[in-house]
Amino acid sequence: MRRLLVLAAALSLGGAMATDIRIYPSFTEVREPVSAAGTTLTVALPQEAWAGVIGGSLDLEGLAFNSALQKLDPNWLSTLEGKTVYLRREDGKTEPVTLVRARDLLVRDASGRYFTARYEQLQFDVVPPTNPLSPSQTLVFNLKAPGSGVLSYLTRSVTWAPRYTLKASDAGAQLSALADIRNGTDLPYDIKTTELYAGDVTVQGRPEMEDMGAGRVMTTAAPVMAAPAPRIQNGGDLRGLYRYTLSTPFTLPASSVVSLPFLTPKLSTFERYVGLNTYFGTEPQEGTLNRFYRFKADDRLPAGPITVREDGRIVGQTNIGEARKGAEVEFSLGNDPDVAYTRTVQRTAQVKDAKGNVTRTTYKVTYAFESSKTRQVRAEITERVGGRRIIIDTAAPVQNQGVATLKVDVPAGGKVSRSFTVVIDNS
């Protein structure tokens, strides 16, 4: 059997894994070129990488094989069992000892006495790998013929997500986005080609082992690389997904978040308003309205968190859903105590059948607004009305559910009221 250069080879030399990756919102496809001069291909995957691998996702492309064996290999320290290592005592002196058992670091000194040591006390004649106590997963493929191919697998340890910043002022608004690429493993990646995908992609597998990156505190940093940071370029759509590519290779450090400039779409429309989304009822109510923002962008927007700044100050954060190019994006940032409303409902007409059952009722709904702001503000009310047949103001009748809307400009420090009629016909 010929043992080939394995995926972990760069790590054992203190370097990073060189690979191609396709990053989705909740997982990543890792693609590593492999080749075999004979009919056996052996690939070792570090346990740190294996921890997040999705079960059943390993695949070998371009090389037909008769069988594949996956096994857990012992850690590096196990290869030194029966050999001499060096023990540093608490008094600072060092003595040679024999490593008897790597599992619990059992050693034997020159007098023949056995005792356990701590790993920090041991010294070696050779450079240990990055994680000397971690085992590795070995894959052995029985090939039909020699050749070259690509080993691929899916992992939940590397993901990406956009995050937006909306900067607004009296002069208008600007929207920008960063792409956060997260590496939840203890392994760095030297990435040759990178593709980012936005959209809804579901995978059914579960991680082979508990994700060692879960709960780890990430640190956000600029890309650690000698070359200029890569640019994210639009790669077009792919069967309902949207693809982005990185212009150059880059390094994704271990346990890190690399943030890159992503989108700077132009806004064709931008509005601020206060509003209320509710359901029709006959009981009076009062309260304050919520702060809303609405815009349309000239680019497709993947789903992600958005931070809103007004005149440089943060006024709120929320999440926006995926939006197509030119679609309206609308969200609320919470309560606005400066604009209060009072809602009253008056029944103005009622029709009954011969048995006395109510078949048609007409209501007048009135909203009274009061603002303590120093400038005029737009208020928008949306009420959803249920019934067999609904008529709102002079609109055409609709079935099951109608939508009543009010749009009114509330003057600075002033009051204003508006009404609409609702006819519910259950005949």
Protein backbone atom coordinates (compact mmCIF):
# COMPACT_ATOMS: atom_id res chain seq x y z
CA MET A 1 0.00 0.00 0.00
CA ARG A 2 1.32 3.41 -0.90
CA ARG A 3 0.46 6.15 1.56
CA LEU A 4 -0.17 9.40 -0.26
CA LEU A 5 0.23 12.97 0.87
CA VAL A 6 -2.76 13.37 3.18
CA LEU A 7 -4.98 16.28 4.03
CA ALA A 8 -3.33 16.65 7.41
CA ALA A 9 0.19 16.86 6.04
CA ALA A 10 0.28 20.64 5.96
CA LEU A 11 -1.01 20.80 9.52
CA SER A 12 1.64 18.42 10.81
CA LEU A 13 4.19 20.84 9.42
CA GLY A 14 2.50 23.80 11.11
CA GLY A 15 0.77 25.07 7.97
CA ALA A 16 -2.86 25.28 6.88
CA MET A 17 -5.13 23.01 4.86
CA ALA A 18 -5.02 23.99 1.18
CA THR A 19 -8.41 23.42 -0.35
CA ASP A 20 -11.38 24.72 -2.32
CA ILE A 21 -14.59 25.46 -0.46
CA ARG A 22 -18.21 26.25 -1.29
CA ILE A 23 -19.77 28.00 1.68
CA TYR A 24 -23.52 27.89 2.30
CA PRO A 25 -25.38 29.64 5.14
CA SER A 26 -25.39 26.56 7.43
CA PHE A 27 -22.65 24.29 6.05
CA THR A 28 -19.68 24.16 3.68
CA GLU A 29 -18.55 21.75 0.99
CA VAL A 30 -14.79 21.16 1.27
CA ARG A 31 -13.10 19.89 -1.91
CA GLU A 32 -9.54 18.53 -1.80
CA PRO A 33 -7.64 17.22 -4.88
CA VAL A 34 -6.20 13.70 -4.37
CA SER A 35 -4.26 11.30 -6.59
CA ALA A 36 -3.05 7.70 -6.44
CA ALA A 37 -0.28 5.98 -8.37
CA GLY A 38 -1.66 2.57 -7.34
CA THR A 39 -5.04 1.08 -6.52
CA THR A 40 -5.06 2.18 -2.87
CA LEU A 41 -5.75 5.73 -1.76
CA THR A 42 -5.25 6.58 1.91
CA VAL A 43 -6.37 9.95 3.23
CA ALA A 44 -6.13 11.10 6.85
CA LEU A 45 -8.55 13.76 8.05
CA PRO A 46 -7.62 15.50 11.33
CA GLN A 47 -10.05 14.93 14.15
CA GLU A 48 -10.56 18.69 14.45
CA ALA A 49 -11.93 18.74 10.90
CA TRP A 50 -13.85 15.48 11.31
CA ALA A 51 -15.78 16.80 14.31
CA GLY A 52 -18.09 18.87 12.10
CA VAL A 53 -18.39 16.51 9.10
CA ILE A 54 -22.00 15.73 8.18
CA GLY A 55 -22.61 11.99 8.17
CA GLY A 56 -22.91 10.39 4.75
CA SER A 57 -21.43 13.37 2.91
CA LEU A 58 -17.97 12.00 2.09
CA ASP A 59 -17.56 11.50 -1.65
CA LEU A 60 -14.73 10.68 -4.04
CA GLU A 61 -15.21 12.22 -7.48
CA GLY A 62 -13.30 11.18 -10.58
CA LEU A 63 -11.92 7.94 -9.05
CA ALA A 64 -14.03 4.78 -9.15
CA PHE A 65 -13.51 2.51 -6.15
CA ASN A 66 -14.58 -0.96 -5.07
CA SER A 67 -14.75 -0.24 -1.35
CA ALA A 68 -13.93 2.40 1.27
CA LEU A 69 -12.86 1.90 4.87
CA GLN A 70 -13.09 4.58 7.53
CA LYS A 71 -11.17 4.05 10.78
CA LEU A 72 -9.90 6.05 13.76
CA ASP A 73 -6.09 6.22 13.98
CA PRO A 74 -4.27 6.78 17.28
CA ASN A 75 -2.83 10.19 18.06
CA TRP A 76 0.75 11.22 17.37
CA LEU A 77 1.88 10.59 20.93
CA SER A 78 0.92 6.92 20.61
CA THR A 79 3.66 6.49 18.00
CA LEU A 80 6.22 7.26 20.72
CA GLU A 81 5.14 4.44 23.06
CA GLY A 82 8.20 2.42 24.11
CA LYS A 83 10.50 5.28 23.12
CA THR A 84 12.47 7.80 25.12
CA VAL A 85 10.98 11.21 25.87
CA TYR A 86 12.12 13.80 28.38
CA LEU A 87 10.42 14.77 31.61
CA ARG A 88 10.86 18.21 33.16
CA ARG A 89 10.63 18.02 36.94
CA GLU A 90 9.22 20.76 39.17
CA ASP A 91 12.76 21.67 40.22
CA GLY A 92 13.57 22.47 36.58
CA LYS A 93 15.76 19.40 35.99
CA THR A 94 15.11 17.18 32.97
CA GLU A 95 15.52 13.40 32.85
CA PRO A 96 14.95 10.79 30.11
CA VAL A 97 11.93 8.50 30.62
CA THR A 98 10.19 5.85 28.56
CA LEU A 99 6.66 6.58 27.38
CA VAL A 100 4.79 3.40 28.32
CA ARG A 101 1.21 4.39 27.53
CA ALA A 102 0.11 7.51 25.66
CA ARG A 103 -3.54 7.25 26.72
CA ASP A 104 -2.88 8.33 30.30
CA LEU A 105 0.77 9.45 29.88
CA LEU A 106 2.21 6.59 31.89
CA VAL A 107 6.04 6.75 31.91
CA ARG A 108 8.92 4.72 33.43
CA ASP A 109 12.10 6.31 34.77
CA ALA A 110 15.64 4.92 34.84
CA SER A 111 14.97 3.23 38.20
CA GLY A 112 12.07 1.26 36.67
CA ARG A 113 9.38 3.17 38.55
CA TYR A 114 6.05 3.88 36.78
CA PHE A 115 4.06 7.08 37.21
CA THR A 116 1.84 9.39 35.15
CA ALA A 117 2.97 12.75 33.84
CA ARG A 118 1.29 15.82 32.43
CA TYR A 119 1.75 16.58 28.75
CA GLU A 120 3.24 20.01 29.55
CA GLN A 121 6.07 18.23 31.40
CA LEU A 122 7.16 16.22 28.35
CA GLN A 123 9.83 17.23 25.85
CA PHE A 124 10.64 15.54 22.53
CA ASP A 125 13.47 15.13 20.04
CA VAL A 126 11.12 15.93 17.13
CA VAL A 127 8.64 18.72 16.52
CA PRO A 128 5.14 17.57 17.61
CA PRO A 129 2.12 18.35 15.41
CA THR A 130 -0.38 21.07 16.27
CA ASN A 131 -2.67 18.70 18.20
CA PRO A 132 -0.49 15.80 19.34
CA LEU A 133 -3.18 14.29 21.58
CA SER A 134 -5.87 14.32 18.92
CA PRO A 135 -6.49 11.20 16.80
CA SER A 136 -7.30 11.33 13.08
CA GLN A 137 -9.81 9.63 10.82
CA THR A 138 -8.25 7.59 8.04
CA LEU A 139 -10.08 6.80 4.81
CA VAL A 140 -8.76 3.92 2.72
CA PHE A 141 -10.21 3.57 -0.80
CA ASN A 142 -9.73 0.38 -2.83
CA LEU A 143 -9.58 1.90 -6.32
CA LYS A 144 -10.44 0.26 -9.62
CA ALA A 145 -7.55 2.08 -11.30
CA PRO A 146 -4.93 4.72 -10.45
CA GLY A 147 -5.68 8.35 -11.20
CA SER A 148 -6.65 11.75 -9.80
CA GLY A 149 -9.88 12.96 -8.30
CA VAL A 150 -11.48 15.15 -5.66
CA LEU A 151 -12.35 14.16 -2.10
CA SER A 152 -15.32 16.20 -0.89
CA TYR A 153 -17.34 16.37 2.30
CA LEU A 154 -19.83 18.65 4.01
CA THR A 155 -19.07 20.31 7.34
CA ARG A 156 -21.05 22.56 9.66
CA SER A 157 -17.87 24.03 11.12
CA VAL A 158 -17.46 26.65 8.36
CA THR A 159 -20.35 28.96 7.45
CA TRP A 160 -20.99 32.46 6.20
CA ALA A 161 -23.63 35.14 6.66
CA PRO A 162 -24.15 38.70 5.45
CA ARG A 163 -24.78 41.61 7.81
CA TYR A 164 -26.11 44.95 6.69
CA THR A 165 -25.74 48.54 7.83
CA LEU A 166 -28.33 51.12 6.83
CA LYS A 167 -27.02 54.66 7.30
CA ALA A 168 -29.79 57.25 7.20
CA SER A 169 -29.96 61.03 7.59
CA ASP A 170 -32.02 63.93 6.31
CA ALA A 171 -30.02 63.72 3.07
CA GLY A 172 -31.09 60.12 2.35
CA ALA A 173 -29.88 56.60 3.09
CA GLN A 174 -27.10 54.19 2.10
CA LEU A 175 -27.06 50.41 2.47
CA SER A 176 -23.87 48.35 2.73
CA ALA A 177 -23.07 44.77 3.72
CA LEU A 178 -20.21 42.66 5.01
CA ALA A 179 -19.82 38.91 4.55
CA ASP A 180 -18.73 37.13 7.74
CA ILE A 181 -16.96 33.83 7.03
CA ARG A 182 -16.73 31.75 10.21
CA ASN A 183 -14.26 28.95 10.89
CA GLY A 184 -15.34 27.03 13.97
CA THR A 185 -12.43 24.58 13.93
CA ASP A 186 -8.91 24.65 15.33
CA LEU A 187 -7.60 24.29 11.77
CA PRO A 188 -6.57 27.15 9.48
CA TYR A 189 -7.48 26.90 5.78
CA ASP A 190 -5.43 28.16 2.85
CA ILE A 191 -8.26 28.54 0.37
CA LYS A 192 -7.52 28.55 -3.35
CA THR A 193 -11.03 29.18 -4.67
CA THR A 194 -14.10 30.17 -2.69
CA GLU A 195 -17.78 30.32 -3.61
CA LEU A 196 -20.47 31.74 -1.34
CA TYR A 197 -24.08 30.65 -1.82
CA ALA A 198 -27.19 32.45 -0.61
CA GLY A 199 -30.57 30.75 -0.46
CA ASP A 200 -32.41 27.90 1.20
CA VAL A 201 -30.38 24.67 1.07
CA THR A 202 -31.31 21.76 3.34
CA VAL A 203 -29.02 18.86 4.16
CA GLN A 204 -30.31 15.83 6.06
CA GLY A 205 -27.15 14.42 7.63
CA ARG A 206 -25.97 14.91 11.18
CA PRO A 207 -22.40 15.58 12.32
CA GLU A 208 -20.37 12.41 12.89
CA MET A 209 -19.37 13.77 16.29
CA GLU A 210 -20.30 16.74 18.42
CA ASP A 211 -19.19 19.94 16.72
CA MET A 212 -16.09 20.97 18.62
CA GLY A 213 -16.66 24.55 17.48
CA ALA A 214 -19.95 24.87 19.35
CA GLY A 215 -19.78 27.42 22.11
CA ARG A 216 -16.34 28.67 21.08
CA VAL A 217 -15.83 32.40 21.35
CA MET A 218 -15.08 33.76 17.91
CA THR A 219 -12.81 36.70 17.26
CA THR A 220 -13.56 39.02 14.38
CA ALA A 221 -10.52 40.09 12.42
CA ALA A 222 -9.48 41.33 9.06
CA PRO A 223 -8.12 38.62 6.75
CA VAL A 224 -4.63 37.54 7.86
CA MET A 225 -2.77 37.42 4.58
CA ALA A 226 0.17 39.02 2.84
CA ALA A 227 -1.74 39.56 -0.41
CA PRO A 228 -4.54 42.13 -0.73
CA ALA A 229 -7.90 41.00 0.67
CA PRO A 230 -10.10 39.28 -1.92
CA ARG A 231 -13.14 41.00 -3.37
CA ILE A 232 -16.53 39.32 -3.44
CA GLN A 233 -17.92 39.19 -6.97
CA ASN A 234 -21.39 38.38 -8.24
CA GLY A 235 -21.46 34.88 -9.76
CA GLY A 236 -25.10 34.80 -10.92
CA ASP A 237 -27.93 32.50 -9.91
CA LEU A 238 -27.99 28.71 -9.74
CA ARG A 239 -31.42 27.07 -9.67
CA GLY A 240 -32.86 29.39 -7.05
CA LEU A 241 -29.56 30.00 -5.25
CA TYR A 242 -27.33 33.01 -5.69
CA ARG A 243 -23.59 32.56 -6.08
CA TYR A 244 -20.71 34.86 -5.17
CA THR A 245 -17.02 34.24 -5.79
CA LEU A 246 -13.87 35.55 -4.11
CA SER A 247 -11.39 37.14 -6.49
CA THR A 248 -8.18 35.71 -4.97
CA PRO A 249 -6.99 32.95 -2.61
CA PHE A 250 -7.01 33.82 1.08
CA THR A 251 -6.35 32.36 4.52
CA LEU A 252 -9.17 31.52 6.93
CA PRO A 253 -7.46 31.33 10.35
CA ALA A 254 -8.46 28.79 12.98
CA SER A 255 -11.36 29.77 15.28
CA SER A 256 -11.93 33.04 13.47
CA VAL A 257 -14.37 35.22 11.59
CA VAL A 258 -13.07 36.88 8.43
CA SER A 259 -15.19 39.87 7.39
CA LEU A 260 -15.08 41.10 3.80
CA PRO A 261 -16.94 43.95 2.06
CA PHE A 262 -19.90 42.36 0.33
CA LEU A 263 -22.63 44.53 -1.24
CA THR A 264 -23.19 48.26 -1.68
CA PRO A 265 -26.55 48.34 -3.46
CA LYS A 266 -28.24 51.56 -4.48
CA LEU A 267 -31.62 52.30 -2.93
CA SER A 268 -34.31 53.29 -5.41
CA THR A 269 -36.77 54.11 -2.59
CA PHE A 270 -36.37 54.78 1.13
CA GLU A 271 -39.07 55.64 3.67
CA ARG A 272 -39.40 56.05 7.42
CA TYR A 273 -42.81 55.91 9.05
CA VAL A 274 -44.62 54.91 12.22
CA GLY A 275 -47.24 52.22 11.97
CA LEU A 276 -49.35 49.44 13.36
CA ASN A 277 -50.17 45.98 12.00
CA THR A 278 -53.21 44.47 13.71
CA TYR A 279 -56.44 42.52 13.27
CA PHE A 280 -59.96 43.93 13.15
CA GLY A 281 -61.98 43.85 16.35
CA THR A 282 -64.88 45.79 17.79
CA GLU A 283 -63.18 46.70 21.08
CA PRO A 284 -61.59 50.18 21.42
CA GLN A 285 -57.85 50.29 21.94
CA GLU A 286 -55.04 52.77 22.41
CA GLY A 287 -51.25 52.78 22.51
CA THR A 288 -48.19 54.01 20.65
CA LEU A 289 -47.05 53.18 17.13
CA ASN A 290 -43.91 51.36 16.03
CA ARG A 291 -40.94 52.70 14.04
CA PHE A 292 -40.78 51.27 10.52
CA TYR A 293 -38.32 51.47 7.63
CA ARG A 294 -38.97 50.52 4.02
CA PHE A 295 -36.68 50.48 0.98
CA LYS A 296 -36.02 48.90 -2.40
CA ALA A 297 -32.49 47.93 -3.53
CA ASP A 298 -31.09 47.39 -7.02
CA ASP A 299 -29.48 44.07 -6.00
CA ARG A 300 -30.62 40.77 -4.55
CA LEU A 301 -30.23 40.71 -0.75
CA PRO A 302 -29.55 37.46 1.13
CA ALA A 303 -31.21 37.17 4.53
CA GLY A 304 -29.25 38.57 7.45
CA PRO A 305 -29.14 41.00 10.38
CA ILE A 306 -29.31 44.74 9.75
CA THR A 307 -28.10 47.62 11.90
CA VAL A 308 -29.70 51.03 11.37
CA ARG A 309 -27.83 54.25 12.10
CA GLU A 310 -29.45 57.68 12.07
CA ASP A 311 -26.94 60.54 11.85
CA GLY A 312 -24.24 58.07 12.89
CA ARG A 313 -26.08 56.77 15.96
CA ILE A 314 -27.47 53.24 16.26
CA VAL A 315 -31.25 53.29 16.48
CA GLY A 316 -31.90 49.56 16.25
CA GLN A 317 -31.06 46.13 14.91
CA THR A 318 -33.25 43.42 13.41
CA ASN A 319 -33.20 40.77 10.67
CA ILE A 320 -34.38 41.01 7.08
CA GLY A 321 -35.46 38.11 4.92
CA GLU A 322 -34.06 37.28 1.50
CA ALA A 323 -35.26 39.80 -1.07
CA ARG A 324 -35.10 39.73 -4.84
CA LYS A 325 -33.75 42.66 -6.82
CA GLY A 326 -36.16 45.59 -6.58
CA ALA A 327 -38.34 43.93 -3.93
CA GLU A 328 -39.67 45.97 -1.05
CA VAL A 329 -37.91 45.37 2.27
CA GLU A 330 -39.83 46.45 5.34
CA PHE A 331 -39.01 46.05 9.03
CA SER A 332 -39.77 47.51 12.45
CA LEU A 333 -37.31 48.67 15.10
CA GLY A 334 -39.71 48.79 18.01
CA ASN A 335 -41.94 51.28 19.75
CA ASP A 336 -42.08 55.03 19.09
CA PRO A 337 -43.44 56.68 22.25
CA ASP A 338 -43.79 60.07 20.54
CA VAL A 339 -46.79 59.04 18.40
CA ALA A 340 -49.90 57.79 20.25
CA TYR A 341 -53.16 56.53 18.79
CA THR A 342 -56.70 55.90 19.96
CA ARG A 343 -58.92 53.49 18.02
CA THR A 344 -62.72 53.46 18.28
CA VAL A 345 -65.29 51.31 16.46
CA GLN A 346 -68.90 52.29 15.78
CA ARG A 347 -71.53 49.93 14.35
CA THR A 348 -73.45 51.96 11.81
CA ALA A 349 -75.76 49.39 10.21
CA GLN A 350 -76.92 45.81 10.62
CA VAL A 351 -78.98 43.44 8.46
CA LYS A 352 -80.82 40.35 9.75
CA ASP A 353 -82.54 37.51 7.95
CA ALA A 354 -86.11 36.28 8.56
CA LYS A 355 -84.91 34.19 11.52
CA GLY A 356 -83.24 37.16 13.18
CA ASN A 357 -79.70 36.08 12.43
CA VAL A 358 -77.23 38.88 11.64
CA THR A 359 -76.07 38.53 8.03
CA ARG A 360 -74.43 41.87 7.32
CA THR A 361 -72.82 44.44 9.61
CA THR A 362 -71.24 47.79 8.81
CA TYR A 363 -68.62 49.36 11.07
CA LYS A 364 -66.89 52.72 11.12
CA VAL A 365 -63.32 52.48 12.44
CA THR A 366 -61.66 55.73 13.53
CA TYR A 367 -58.03 56.32 14.43
CA ALA A 368 -57.00 59.49 16.25
CA PHE A 369 -53.26 60.25 16.23
CA GLU A 370 -51.30 62.61 18.45
CA SER A 371 -47.62 63.40 17.92
CA SER A 372 -45.10 65.12 20.19
CA LYS A 373 -42.38 65.09 17.51
CA THR A 374 -40.76 68.26 16.23
CA ARG A 375 -41.35 67.29 12.61
CA GLN A 376 -44.16 65.82 10.55
CA VAL A 377 -44.31 62.02 10.43
CA ARG A 378 -46.14 59.55 8.20
CA ALA A 379 -48.42 57.05 10.02
CA GLU A 380 -49.64 53.85 8.39
CA ILE A 381 -52.22 51.44 9.80
CA THR A 382 -52.90 47.94 8.47
CA GLU A 383 -55.87 45.93 9.76
CA ARG A 384 -56.72 42.42 8.61
CA VAL A 385 -60.44 41.70 8.56
CA GLY A 386 -61.85 38.15 8.50
CA GLY A 387 -65.26 37.10 7.20
CA ARG A 388 -67.08 35.30 4.42
CA ARG A 389 -67.33 38.49 2.34
CA ILE A 390 -65.62 41.76 3.24
CA ILE A 391 -66.01 45.25 1.79
CA ILE A 392 -63.61 47.96 2.91
CA ASP A 393 -64.57 51.50 1.99
CA THR A 394 -65.34 51.51 -1.75
CA ALA A 395 -63.03 48.62 -2.68
CA ALA A 396 -64.35 45.52 -4.42
CA PRO A 397 -65.59 42.73 -2.13
CA VAL A 398 -63.08 40.04 -1.13
CA GLN A 399 -63.45 36.57 0.38
CA ASN A 400 -62.21 35.29 3.76
CA GLN A 401 -59.79 38.12 4.57
CA GLY A 402 -59.61 41.79 3.64
CA VAL A 403 -56.96 44.36 4.41
CA ALA A 404 -57.81 47.88 5.52
CA THR A 405 -55.11 50.55 5.34
CA LEU A 406 -54.78 54.12 6.51
CA LYS A 407 -51.98 56.48 5.53
CA VAL A 408 -51.89 59.90 7.10
CA ASP A 409 -49.32 62.63 7.75
CA VAL A 410 -49.36 63.60 11.43
CA PRO A 411 -48.22 67.22 11.91
CA ALA A 412 -45.42 68.11 14.30
CA GLY A 413 -46.84 68.46 17.81
CA GLY A 414 -50.33 68.03 16.38
CA LYS A 415 -53.38 65.78 16.13
CA VAL A 416 -55.25 64.22 13.23
CA SER A 417 -57.90 61.52 12.77
CA ARG A 418 -58.98 59.26 9.90
CA SER A 419 -61.73 56.67 9.42
CA PHE A 420 -62.65 53.74 7.19
CA THR A 421 -65.70 51.52 6.89
CA VAL A 422 -65.83 47.76 7.10
CA VAL A 423 -68.74 45.67 5.86
CA ILE A 424 -68.78 42.01 6.94
CA ASP A 425 -71.29 39.95 4.98
CA ASN A 426 -71.85 36.39 6.25
CA SER A 427 -75.01 35.68 4.29
